C-alpha atoms as a PDB file:
ATOM      1  CA  MET A   1      62.633 -75.396  20.053  1.00  0.00           C
ATOM      2  CA  LEU A   2      60.416 -72.336  20.553  1.00  0.00           C
ATOM      3  CA  ASN A   3      57.072 -72.447  18.763  1.00  0.00           C
ATOM      4  CA  VAL A   4      54.195 -70.116  17.938  1.00  0.00           C
ATOM      5  CA  GLY A   5      51.845 -69.860  20.916  1.00  0.00           C
ATOM      6  CA  GLN A   6      54.565 -70.144  23.562  1.00  0.00           C
ATOM      7  CA  GLN A   7      55.392 -67.386  26.024  1.00  0.00           C
ATOM      8  CA  ALA A   8      58.511 -65.538  24.905  1.00  0.00           C
ATOM      9  CA  PRO A   9      61.484 -65.916  27.272  1.00  0.00           C
ATOM     10  CA  GLU A  10      62.122 -62.840  29.405  1.00  0.00           C
ATOM     11  CA  PHE A  11      65.435 -61.034  29.054  1.00  0.00           C
ATOM     12  CA  THR A  12      67.314 -57.852  29.856  1.00  0.00           C
ATOM     13  CA  GLY A  13      70.133 -56.567  27.660  1.00  0.00           C
ATOM     14  CA  HIS A  14      72.336 -53.524  27.188  1.00  0.00           C
ATOM     15  CA  ASP A  15      71.477 -51.127  24.353  1.00  0.00           C
ATOM     16  CA  ILE A  16      74.823 -50.156  22.824  1.00  0.00           C
ATOM     17  CA  LEU A  17      73.312 -47.102  21.093  1.00  0.00           C
ATOM     18  CA  THR A  18      71.838 -45.436  24.177  1.00  0.00           C
ATOM     19  CA  ASP A  19      73.895 -47.103  26.927  1.00  0.00           C
ATOM     20  CA  GLN A  20      70.603 -48.028  28.615  1.00  0.00           C
ATOM     21  CA  PRO A  21      69.156 -51.377  29.700  1.00  0.00           C
ATOM     22  CA  PHE A  22      66.350 -52.943  27.677  1.00  0.00           C
ATOM     23  CA  THR A  23      63.961 -55.328  29.460  1.00  0.00           C
ATOM     24  CA  LEU A  24      61.308 -57.192  27.506  1.00  0.00           C
ATOM     25  CA  SER A  25      58.693 -57.086  30.288  1.00  0.00           C
ATOM     26  CA  ASP A  26      58.857 -53.264  30.327  1.00  0.00           C
ATOM     27  CA  HIS A  27      57.000 -53.391  26.997  1.00  0.00           C
ATOM     28  CA  LYS A  28      54.045 -55.552  28.059  1.00  0.00           C
ATOM     29  CA  GLY A  29      50.950 -54.374  26.235  1.00  0.00           C
ATOM     30  CA  LYS A  30      52.845 -53.725  22.999  1.00  0.00           C
ATOM     31  CA  VAL A  31      53.515 -55.898  20.003  1.00  0.00           C
ATOM     32  CA  VAL A  32      57.252 -56.629  20.188  1.00  0.00           C
ATOM     33  CA  VAL A  33      59.515 -57.596  17.296  1.00  0.00           C
ATOM     34  CA  ILE A  34      62.818 -59.228  18.236  1.00  0.00           C
ATOM     35  CA  ALA A  35      65.221 -59.226  15.287  1.00  0.00           C
ATOM     36  CA  PHE A  36      68.362 -61.340  15.453  1.00  0.00           C
ATOM     37  CA  HIS A  37      71.033 -59.957  13.105  1.00  0.00           C
ATOM     38  CA  GLY A  38      74.733 -60.337  12.405  1.00  0.00           C
ATOM     39  CA  LEU A  39      75.327 -56.978  10.790  1.00  0.00           C
ATOM     40  CA  THR A  40      79.117 -57.196  10.511  1.00  0.00           C
ATOM     41  CA  TRP A  41      79.274 -60.582   8.790  1.00  0.00           C
ATOM     42  CA  CYS A  42      75.810 -61.484   7.404  1.00  0.00           C
ATOM     43  CA  PRO A  43      74.969 -60.008   3.942  1.00  0.00           C
ATOM     44  CA  PRO A  44      71.185 -60.602   4.264  1.00  0.00           C
ATOM     45  CA  CYS A  45      71.297 -58.732   7.590  1.00  0.00           C
ATOM     46  CA  GLN A  46      73.122 -55.826   5.954  1.00  0.00           C
ATOM     47  CA  PHE A  47      70.223 -55.596   3.497  1.00  0.00           C
ATOM     48  CA  ALA A  48      67.524 -56.042   6.156  1.00  0.00           C
ATOM     49  CA  VAL A  49      68.679 -53.655   8.898  1.00  0.00           C
ATOM     50  CA  PRO A  50      68.014 -50.356   7.018  1.00  0.00           C
ATOM     51  CA  VAL A  51      64.611 -51.737   5.967  1.00  0.00           C
ATOM     52  CA  LEU A  52      63.898 -52.566   9.610  1.00  0.00           C
ATOM     53  CA  GLN A  53      64.710 -48.973  10.578  1.00  0.00           C
ATOM     54  CA  GLU A  54      62.328 -47.626   7.920  1.00  0.00           C
ATOM     55  CA  LEU A  55      59.584 -49.881   9.274  1.00  0.00           C
ATOM     56  CA  TRP A  56      60.342 -48.777  12.842  1.00  0.00           C
ATOM     57  CA  LEU A  57      59.857 -45.126  11.885  1.00  0.00           C
ATOM     58  CA  GLU A  58      56.668 -46.026  10.025  1.00  0.00           C
ATOM     59  CA  TYR A  59      55.170 -47.745  13.063  1.00  0.00           C
ATOM     60  CA  LEU A  60      56.269 -45.005  15.453  1.00  0.00           C
ATOM     61  CA  ALA A  61      54.157 -42.596  13.395  1.00  0.00           C
ATOM     62  CA  ASP A  62      51.042 -44.759  13.923  1.00  0.00           C
ATOM     63  CA  PRO A  63      49.482 -44.019  17.343  1.00  0.00           C
ATOM     64  CA  ASP A  64      47.008 -46.881  16.893  1.00  0.00           C
ATOM     65  CA  CYS A  65      49.738 -49.522  16.857  1.00  0.00           C
ATOM     66  CA  PRO A  66      51.750 -49.648  20.110  1.00  0.00           C
ATOM     67  CA  ILE A  67      54.859 -51.540  19.066  1.00  0.00           C
ATOM     68  CA  GLN A  68      58.481 -52.020  20.070  1.00  0.00           C
ATOM     69  CA  PHE A  69      61.405 -53.261  17.969  1.00  0.00           C
ATOM     70  CA  VAL A  70      64.626 -54.585  19.433  1.00  0.00           C
ATOM     71  CA  VAL A  71      67.649 -55.977  17.582  1.00  0.00           C
ATOM     72  CA  VAL A  72      69.931 -58.604  19.117  1.00  0.00           C
ATOM     73  CA  SER A  73      73.389 -59.131  17.625  1.00  0.00           C
ATOM     74  CA  VAL A  74      74.572 -62.657  16.908  1.00  0.00           C
ATOM     75  CA  ASP A  75      78.318 -63.399  17.169  1.00  0.00           C
ATOM     76  CA  GLU A  76      79.452 -59.756  17.111  1.00  0.00           C
ATOM     77  CA  GLN A  77      81.744 -57.447  19.080  1.00  0.00           C
ATOM     78  CA  GLU A  78      80.497 -54.058  20.289  1.00  0.00           C
ATOM     79  CA  PRO A  79      83.182 -51.716  18.869  1.00  0.00           C
ATOM     80  CA  VAL A  80      82.952 -53.111  15.322  1.00  0.00           C
ATOM     81  CA  THR A  81      79.170 -53.345  15.369  1.00  0.00           C
ATOM     82  CA  LYS A  82      78.722 -49.848  16.762  1.00  0.00           C
ATOM     83  CA  GLU A  83      81.094 -48.377  14.177  1.00  0.00           C
ATOM     84  CA  MET A  84      79.167 -50.039  11.365  1.00  0.00           C
ATOM     85  CA  LEU A  85      75.815 -48.922  12.792  1.00  0.00           C
ATOM     86  CA  GLU A  86      76.972 -45.318  12.927  1.00  0.00           C
ATOM     87  CA  GLY A  87      77.656 -45.427   9.182  1.00  0.00           C
ATOM     88  CA  LEU A  88      74.177 -46.611   8.202  1.00  0.00           C
ATOM     89  CA  GLU A  89      71.507 -44.452   6.579  1.00  0.00           C
ATOM     90  CA  PRO A  90      68.867 -43.890   7.843  1.00  0.00           C
ATOM     91  CA  PRO A  91      70.459 -43.716  11.312  1.00  0.00           C
ATOM     92  CA  ILE A  92      69.505 -46.679  13.480  1.00  0.00           C
ATOM     93  CA  THR A  93      67.281 -45.783  16.428  1.00  0.00           C
ATOM     94  CA  THR A  94      65.952 -49.213  17.399  1.00  0.00           C
ATOM     95  CA  PRO A  95      67.422 -50.629  20.619  1.00  0.00           C
ATOM     96  CA  TRP A  96      70.440 -52.780  19.733  1.00  0.00           C
ATOM     97  CA  LEU A  97      71.647 -55.421  22.174  1.00  0.00           C
ATOM     98  CA  LEU A  98      74.841 -57.468  22.308  1.00  0.00           C
ATOM     99  CA  ASP A  99      74.237 -60.463  24.530  1.00  0.00           C
ATOM    100  CA  THR A 100      75.249 -64.054  23.856  1.00  0.00           C
ATOM    101  CA  GLU A 101      72.573 -65.450  26.182  1.00  0.00           C
ATOM    102  CA  ILE A 102      69.553 -63.988  24.364  1.00  0.00           C
ATOM    103  CA  PRO A 103      70.151 -65.911  21.100  1.00  0.00           C
ATOM    104  CA  GLN A 104      70.516 -69.044  23.212  1.00  0.00           C
ATOM    105  CA  LEU A 105      67.256 -68.301  25.041  1.00  0.00           C
ATOM    106  CA  TYR A 106      65.459 -68.015  21.708  1.00  0.00           C
ATOM    107  CA  GLU A 107      67.281 -71.031  20.266  1.00  0.00           C
ATOM    108  CA  VAL A 108      68.557 -69.022  17.312  1.00  0.00           C
ATOM    109  CA  GLY A 109      70.642 -71.355  15.211  1.00  0.00           C
ATOM    110  CA  GLY A 110      72.086 -71.171  11.735  1.00  0.00           C
ATOM    111  CA  THR A 111      72.474 -67.904   9.883  1.00  0.00           C
ATOM    112  CA  PRO A 112      70.447 -64.811  10.776  1.00  0.00           C
ATOM    113  CA  PRO A 113      68.289 -62.885  10.215  1.00  0.00           C
ATOM    114  CA  GLN A 114      65.623 -64.443  12.389  1.00  0.00           C
ATOM    115  CA  TYR A 115      62.538 -62.641  13.677  1.00  0.00           C
ATOM    116  CA  PHE A 116      60.221 -63.313  16.608  1.00  0.00           C
ATOM    117  CA  PHE A 117      56.916 -61.433  16.656  1.00  0.00           C
ATOM    118  CA  LEU A 118      55.198 -61.228  20.057  1.00  0.00           C
ATOM    119  CA  ASP A 119      51.620 -60.239  20.856  1.00  0.00           C
ATOM    120  CA  PRO A 120      50.889 -57.712  23.654  1.00  0.00           C
ATOM    121  CA  GLU A 121      50.974 -60.544  26.232  1.00  0.00           C
ATOM    122  CA  HIS A 122      54.366 -61.525  24.781  1.00  0.00           C
ATOM    123  CA  ARG A 123      53.255 -64.846  23.389  1.00  0.00           C
ATOM    124  CA  ILE A 124      55.031 -65.771  20.170  1.00  0.00           C
ATOM    125  CA  CYS A 125      52.624 -65.276  17.275  1.00  0.00           C
ATOM    126  CA  HIS A 126      55.024 -65.538  14.328  1.00  0.00           C
ATOM    127  CA  ILE A 127      58.579 -66.755  13.714  1.00  0.00           C
ATOM    128  CA  GLU A 128      60.415 -65.929  10.496  1.00  0.00           C
ATOM    129  CA  VAL A 129      63.739 -67.566   9.696  1.00  0.00           C
ATOM    130  CA  GLY A 130      65.544 -65.633   6.978  1.00  0.00           C
ATOM    131  CA  LEU A 131      64.239 -62.744   4.914  1.00  0.00           C
ATOM    132  CA  PHE A 132      60.599 -62.245   3.947  1.00  0.00           C
ATOM    133  CA  GLY A 133      61.775 -61.343   0.456  1.00  0.00           C
ATOM    134  CA  THR A 134      64.763 -60.220  -1.572  1.00  0.00           C
ATOM    135  CA  THR A 135      63.422 -56.722  -2.244  1.00  0.00           C
ATOM    136  CA  SER A 136      62.674 -53.927   0.195  1.00  0.00           C
ATOM    137  CA  ALA A 137      58.985 -53.993  -0.794  1.00  0.00           C
ATOM    138  CA  ALA A 138      58.694 -57.749  -0.239  1.00  0.00           C
ATOM    139  CA  GLN A 139      60.513 -57.530   3.092  1.00  0.00           C
ATOM    140  CA  LYS A 140      58.189 -54.770   4.283  1.00  0.00           C
ATOM    141  CA  ALA A 141      55.041 -56.549   3.099  1.00  0.00           C
ATOM    142  CA  GLY A 142      55.937 -59.773   4.883  1.00  0.00           C
ATOM    143  CA  PHE A 143      56.944 -57.883   8.003  1.00  0.00           C
ATOM    144  CA  ARG A 144      53.689 -55.895   8.134  1.00  0.00           C
ATOM    145  CA  SER A 145      51.656 -59.061   7.696  1.00  0.00           C
ATOM    146  CA  ALA A 146      53.479 -60.682  10.621  1.00  0.00           C
ATOM    147  CA  VAL A 147      52.902 -57.616  12.806  1.00  0.00           C
ATOM    148  CA  ASP A 148      49.201 -57.612  11.887  1.00  0.00           C
ATOM    149  CA  SER A 149      48.924 -61.232  13.012  1.00  0.00           C
ATOM    150  CA  CYS A 150      50.006 -60.125  16.505  1.00  0.00           C
ATOM    151  CA  LYS A 151      47.799 -57.086  16.966  1.00  0.00           C
ATOM    152  CA  PRO A 152      45.186 -57.427  19.725  1.00  0.00           C
ATOM    153  CA  ILE A 153      41.556 -58.022  18.862  1.00  0.00           C
ATOM    154  CA  GLY A 154      40.232 -57.383  22.373  1.00  0.00           C
ATOM    155  CA  ASN A 155      38.492 -59.589  24.936  1.00  0.00           C
ATOM    156  CA  ASP A 156      35.083 -58.138  24.034  1.00  0.00           C
ATOM    157  CA  PHE A 157      35.531 -58.821  20.330  1.00  0.00           C
ATOM    158  CA  PHE A 158      32.383 -60.927  19.922  1.00  0.00           C
ATOM    159  CA  ARG A 159      30.241 -59.434  22.658  1.00  0.00           C
ATOM    160  CA  VAL A 160      30.577 -55.879  21.335  1.00  0.00           C
ATOM    161  CA  PRO A 161      29.880 -56.596  17.634  1.00  0.00           C
ATOM    162  CA  SER A 162      26.956 -58.840  18.622  1.00  0.00           C
ATOM    163  CA  ALA A 163      25.453 -56.025  20.662  1.00  0.00           C
ATOM    164  CA  VAL A 164      26.049 -53.572  17.826  1.00  0.00           C
ATOM    165  CA  ALA A 165      24.383 -55.944  15.362  1.00  0.00           C
ATOM    166  CA  GLN A 166      21.329 -56.290  17.596  1.00  0.00           C
ATOM    167  CA  ILE A 167      21.015 -52.531  18.023  1.00  0.00           C
ATOM    168  CA  LEU A 168      21.536 -51.683  14.373  1.00  0.00           C
ATOM    169  CA  PHE A 169      19.739 -54.528  12.666  1.00  0.00           C
ATOM    170  CA  GLY A 170      17.189 -55.908  15.114  1.00  0.00           C
ATOM    171  CA  VAL A 171      18.391 -59.472  14.913  1.00  0.00           C
ATOM    172  CA  THR A 172      16.413 -60.820  17.887  1.00  0.00           C
ATOM    173  CA  ALA A 173      13.063 -62.489  17.195  1.00  0.00           C
ATOM    174  CA  ASP A 174      12.113 -60.104  14.393  1.00  0.00           C
ATOM    175  CA  GLN A 175      11.629 -57.280  16.882  1.00  0.00           C
ATOM    176  CA  GLY A 176      13.317 -54.673  14.745  1.00  0.00           C
ATOM    177  CA  GLY A 177      16.109 -52.438  15.939  1.00  0.00           C
ATOM    178  CA  ILE A 178      17.427 -48.893  15.795  1.00  0.00           C
ATOM    179  CA  VAL A 179      20.080 -46.884  14.057  1.00  0.00           C
ATOM    180  CA  ILE A 180      21.565 -43.625  15.296  1.00  0.00           C
ATOM    181  CA  VAL A 181      20.911 -40.730  12.942  1.00  0.00           C
ATOM    182  CA  GLY A 182      22.160 -37.253  13.860  1.00  0.00           C
ATOM    183  CA  GLY A 183      22.784 -38.472  17.375  1.00  0.00           C
ATOM    184  CA  LYS A 184      19.160 -39.633  17.781  1.00  0.00           C
ATOM    185  CA  PRO A 185      17.765 -43.194  17.676  1.00  0.00           C
ATOM    186  CA  LYS A 186      15.666 -44.100  14.642  1.00  0.00           C
ATOM    187  CA  PRO A 187      13.498 -47.259  14.927  1.00  0.00           C
ATOM    188  CA  ILE A 188      13.750 -49.952  12.281  1.00  0.00           C
ATOM    189  CA  GLY A 189      10.813 -52.320  11.951  1.00  0.00           C
ATOM    190  CA  PRO A 190      11.372 -56.064  11.557  1.00  0.00           C
ATOM    191  CA  TRP A 191      10.532 -55.874   7.843  1.00  0.00           C
ATOM    192  CA  ASP A 192      12.176 -52.536   7.136  1.00  0.00           C
ATOM    193  CA  PRO A 193      13.976 -52.661   3.749  1.00  0.00           C
ATOM    194  CA  LEU A 194      17.022 -51.174   5.482  1.00  0.00           C
ATOM    195  CA  ARG A 195      17.504 -54.325   7.485  1.00  0.00           C
ATOM    196  CA  PRO A 196      17.753 -57.674   5.637  1.00  0.00           C
ATOM    197  CA  ALA A 197      20.870 -57.458   3.440  1.00  0.00           C
ATOM    198  CA  MET A 198      22.889 -55.509   5.975  1.00  0.00           C
ATOM    199  CA  ALA A 199      21.846 -57.772   8.824  1.00  0.00           C
ATOM    200  CA  ARG A 200      22.819 -60.796   6.751  1.00  0.00           C
ATOM    201  CA  ASP A 201      26.258 -59.341   6.047  1.00  0.00           C
ATOM    202  CA  ALA A 202      26.845 -58.493   9.695  1.00  0.00           C
ATOM    203  CA  LEU A 203      25.661 -61.861  10.984  1.00  0.00           C
ATOM    204  CA  ARG A 204      27.748 -63.751   8.441  1.00  0.00           C
ATOM    205  CA  ALA A 205      30.832 -61.824   9.582  1.00  0.00           C
ATOM    206  CA  LEU A 206      30.054 -62.526  13.243  1.00  0.00           C
ATOM    207  CA  ALA A 207      29.616 -66.232  12.497  1.00  0.00           C
ATOM    208  CA  ILE A 208      33.001 -66.331  10.746  1.00  0.00           C
ATOM    209  CA  GLY A 209      34.584 -64.574  13.714  1.00  0.00           C
ATOM    210  CA  GLU A 210      33.079 -67.056  16.164  1.00  0.00           C
ATOM    211  CA  LEU A 211      34.172 -70.039  14.066  1.00  0.00           C
ATOM    212  CA  ALA A 212      37.688 -68.589  13.971  1.00  0.00           C
ATOM    213  CA  GLU A 213      38.039 -69.418  17.682  1.00  0.00           C
ATOM    214  CA  SER A 214      38.575 -73.040  16.657  1.00  0.00           C
ATOM    215  CA  VAL A 215      41.590 -72.172  14.469  1.00  0.00           C
ATOM    216  CA  GLU A 216      44.761 -73.265  16.259  1.00  0.00           C
ATOM    217  CA  ASP A 217      47.224 -70.960  14.512  1.00  0.00           C
ATOM    218  CA  PRO A 218      47.140 -67.617  16.404  1.00  0.00           C
ATOM    219  CA  GLY A 219      48.039 -65.537  13.371  1.00  0.00           C
ATOM    220  CA  ALA A 220      45.350 -67.091  11.175  1.00  0.00           C
ATOM    221  CA  ARG A 221      42.795 -66.819  13.996  1.00  0.00           C
ATOM    222  CA  ARG A 222      43.484 -63.125  14.534  1.00  0.00           C
ATOM    223  CA  ALA A 223      43.369 -62.423  10.805  1.00  0.00           C
ATOM    224  CA  LEU A 224      39.933 -64.045  10.514  1.00  0.00           C
ATOM    225  CA  GLN A 225      38.639 -62.204  13.569  1.00  0.00           C
ATOM    226  CA  ARG A 226      40.011 -58.879  12.386  1.00  0.00           C
ATOM    227  CA  ASN A 227      38.384 -59.311   8.959  1.00  0.00           C
ATOM    228  CA  ALA A 228      35.091 -60.207  10.655  1.00  0.00           C
ATOM    229  CA  TRP A 229      35.240 -57.044  12.745  1.00  0.00           C
ATOM    230  CA  LYS A 230      35.929 -54.954   9.643  1.00  0.00           C
ATOM    231  CA  ALA A 231      32.935 -56.520   7.889  1.00  0.00           C
ATOM    232  CA  VAL A 232      30.634 -55.714  10.824  1.00  0.00           C
ATOM    233  CA  ALA A 233      31.926 -52.141  10.884  1.00  0.00           C
ATOM    234  CA  ALA A 234      31.368 -51.811   7.113  1.00  0.00           C
ATOM    235  CA  ALA A 235      27.787 -53.124   7.370  1.00  0.00           C
ATOM    236  CA  SER A 236      27.097 -50.725  10.252  1.00  0.00           C
ATOM    237  CA  LYS A 237      28.464 -47.782   8.285  1.00  0.00           C
ATOM    238  CA  LYS A 238      26.333 -48.746   5.286  1.00  0.00           C
ATOM    239  CA  ALA A 239      23.208 -48.913   7.450  1.00  0.00           C
ATOM    240  CA  LEU A 240      23.869 -45.502   8.999  1.00  0.00           C
ATOM    241  CA  SER A 241      24.556 -43.972   5.598  1.00  0.00           C
ATOM    242  CA  LYS A 242      21.305 -45.305   4.159  1.00  0.00           C
ATOM    243  CA  ALA A 243      19.284 -44.193   7.202  1.00  0.00           C
ATOM    244  CA  GLU A 244      20.562 -40.629   6.885  1.00  0.00           C
ATOM    245  CA  ARG A 245      19.325 -40.215   3.316  1.00  0.00           C
END
């Protein structure tokens, strides 16, 4: 049984909508969502597929989120599936594969839909069996949360915020620090009123981010790290705003 944290099995399939091959490894560096559906015979899939297309268009419009969707049919024939796809609204533009081996590779059993969310290195970071919810809004919310759990944080996640915190808040041995105001450095003394609360907020966030490394679940770990980064960025912005007054 495939589990979160494992490398996703490689595959190549035939996209029945474009008549082109689709190879998973061609999308290294992107978050990849593999959706297993049985459109012609599975009522939950018939609900979920148009929602998936709406999400696909939403993510395509976001340049900061490199992502790729691919749908794999389960127990379907190409002519019937293609005819049904052509009648859907909005029109389906995600790659759509018919291949009996891919569901076996991913150990898809029971009734679809099933979703595998892969990080940019194509490790499995979330598996969802069934729908996220019975409404379009619930399905989208659960889907977005799963995608967020797979987004990269970056190898320099801790080193960069730590350096930023030292520059902005002077966190080393009470030596003070600097902020950038109008493109120019402005010194901050070790007892400057600008420093204590904002430094505390930034350091607390960095500590949470560092502790998150011990969390085994990749999705939870990334969520904690991402929130820590946001908190550091917010404290930095607050410091710059106050310095410019």
